[in-house]
């Protein structure tokens, strides 16, 4: 079973930076409840080739994730946003095996590794 970054061996899992704050933990939980939906929307936009939506959604996640105590989510979303800010990244975003799709998979993987408290 994975352990949080608590000094024990095992895979690291992402964890809210506010586990001891009940109000922030509740907000973080609401953020996570919506995150899976938002990731699905980003994947669908990528599949359609709507990279502006993927870039804007990634930008929003990048900012919000840190505020809720999930910098790992923010970094993963930021990688997608940064990639799409470049012309080469936008050109590679429409194919099924694209770099953008791979980065979205990485974002989803980080999401699935999260423990709120």
Protein backbone atom coordinates (compact mmCIF):
# COMPACT_ATOMS: atom_id res chain seq x y z
CA UNK A 1 0.00 0.00 0.00
CA UNK A 2 1.42 3.43 -0.87
CA UNK A 3 2.46 5.78 1.88
CA UNK A 4 2.31 9.53 1.98
CA UNK A 5 5.55 11.41 2.27
CA UNK A 6 5.81 10.36 5.93
CA UNK A 7 9.28 8.89 5.99
CA UNK A 8 8.13 5.33 5.33
CA UNK A 9 9.28 3.42 2.28
CA UNK A 10 6.88 2.94 -0.59
CA UNK A 11 5.56 4.92 -3.49
CA UNK A 12 4.75 8.55 -2.79
CA UNK A 13 1.20 9.69 -3.09
CA UNK A 14 0.08 13.24 -3.57
CA UNK A 15 -1.47 14.77 -0.49
CA UNK A 16 -3.14 18.06 0.23
CA UNK A 17 -0.83 20.51 1.95
CA UNK A 18 -3.68 21.28 4.38
CA UNK A 19 -4.58 17.89 5.94
CA UNK A 20 -4.85 19.34 9.47
CA UNK A 21 -7.19 22.18 8.51
CA UNK A 22 -10.78 20.83 8.46
CA UNK A 23 -12.12 23.75 6.40
CA UNK A 24 -9.40 23.44 3.77
CA UNK A 25 -9.76 19.65 3.77
CA UNK A 26 -13.45 20.05 2.95
CA UNK A 27 -12.65 22.49 0.13
CA UNK A 28 -9.91 20.20 -1.17
CA UNK A 29 -12.39 17.31 -1.20
CA UNK A 30 -14.84 19.38 -3.29
CA UNK A 31 -11.99 20.30 -5.66
CA UNK A 32 -11.11 16.63 -6.07
CA UNK A 33 -14.73 15.65 -6.69
CA UNK A 34 -14.75 18.01 -9.67
CA UNK A 35 -11.24 17.21 -10.84
CA UNK A 36 -12.05 13.88 -12.46
CA UNK A 37 -14.83 15.56 -14.45
CA UNK A 38 -12.53 18.39 -15.49
CA UNK A 39 -9.82 15.98 -16.60
CA UNK A 40 -12.41 14.11 -18.67
CA UNK A 41 -13.48 17.38 -20.28
CA UNK A 42 -9.84 18.16 -21.13
CA UNK A 43 -9.36 14.71 -22.65
CA UNK A 44 -12.52 15.13 -24.74
CA UNK A 45 -11.43 18.59 -25.92
CA UNK A 46 -8.05 17.14 -26.91
CA UNK A 47 -9.74 14.33 -28.82
CA UNK A 48 -11.79 16.94 -30.72
CA UNK A 49 -8.66 18.97 -31.41
CA UNK A 50 -9.91 21.90 -29.31
CA UNK A 51 -6.52 22.76 -27.90
CA UNK A 52 -7.55 26.25 -26.81
CA UNK A 53 -9.98 24.64 -24.37
CA UNK A 54 -7.27 22.24 -23.18
CA UNK A 55 -4.82 25.11 -22.68
CA UNK A 56 -7.34 27.29 -20.85
CA UNK A 57 -8.56 24.41 -18.67
CA UNK A 58 -4.99 23.44 -17.85
CA UNK A 59 -4.25 27.05 -16.94
CA UNK A 60 -7.22 27.08 -14.56
CA UNK A 61 -6.17 23.81 -12.93
CA UNK A 62 -2.60 25.02 -12.62
CA UNK A 63 -3.71 27.99 -10.55
CA UNK A 64 -6.46 26.35 -8.53
CA UNK A 65 -4.56 23.22 -7.56
CA UNK A 66 -1.94 25.10 -5.58
CA UNK A 67 -4.61 27.04 -3.73
CA UNK A 68 -6.21 23.80 -2.61
CA UNK A 69 -2.89 22.35 -1.53
CA UNK A 70 -2.09 20.10 -4.50
CA UNK A 71 1.07 21.44 -6.15
CA UNK A 72 1.61 18.13 -7.96
CA UNK A 73 -1.66 18.66 -9.85
CA UNK A 74 -0.62 22.24 -10.57
CA UNK A 75 2.72 21.11 -11.99
CA UNK A 76 1.12 18.45 -14.20
CA UNK A 77 -1.48 20.92 -15.50
CA UNK A 78 1.25 23.52 -16.01
CA UNK A 79 3.22 21.14 -18.22
CA UNK A 80 0.19 20.83 -20.49
CA UNK A 81 -0.39 24.57 -20.56
CA UNK A 82 3.29 25.28 -21.28
CA UNK A 83 3.37 22.71 -24.07
CA UNK A 84 0.31 24.25 -25.72
CA UNK A 85 1.75 27.74 -25.51
CA UNK A 86 4.35 26.68 -28.05
CA UNK A 87 3.52 26.34 -31.71
CA UNK A 88 5.14 22.89 -31.86
CA UNK A 89 3.04 21.70 -28.91
CA UNK A 90 -0.16 22.91 -30.50
CA UNK A 91 0.77 21.17 -33.75
CA UNK A 92 1.28 17.86 -31.92
CA UNK A 93 -1.93 18.06 -29.91
CA UNK A 94 -4.48 16.67 -32.33
CA UNK A 95 -3.19 13.15 -32.91
CA UNK A 96 -4.37 10.32 -30.66
CA UNK A 97 -0.85 9.50 -29.47
CA UNK A 98 0.12 13.13 -29.03
CA UNK A 99 2.32 14.61 -26.37
CA UNK A 100 -0.69 16.51 -25.05
CA UNK A 101 -2.61 13.25 -24.64
CA UNK A 102 0.36 11.71 -22.82
CA UNK A 103 0.55 14.70 -20.49
CA UNK A 104 -3.18 14.47 -19.81
CA UNK A 105 -2.61 10.83 -18.86
CA UNK A 106 0.10 12.04 -16.49
CA UNK A 107 -2.30 14.55 -14.93
CA UNK A 108 -4.87 11.81 -14.46
CA UNK A 109 -2.24 9.57 -12.88
CA UNK A 110 -1.36 12.29 -10.37
CA UNK A 111 -5.06 12.75 -9.62
CA UNK A 112 -5.47 9.04 -8.95
CA UNK A 113 -2.58 9.09 -6.47
CA UNK A 114 -4.12 11.73 -4.21
CA UNK A 115 -5.02 11.39 -0.56
CA UNK A 116 -6.78 14.36 1.04
CA UNK A 117 -6.17 13.57 4.68
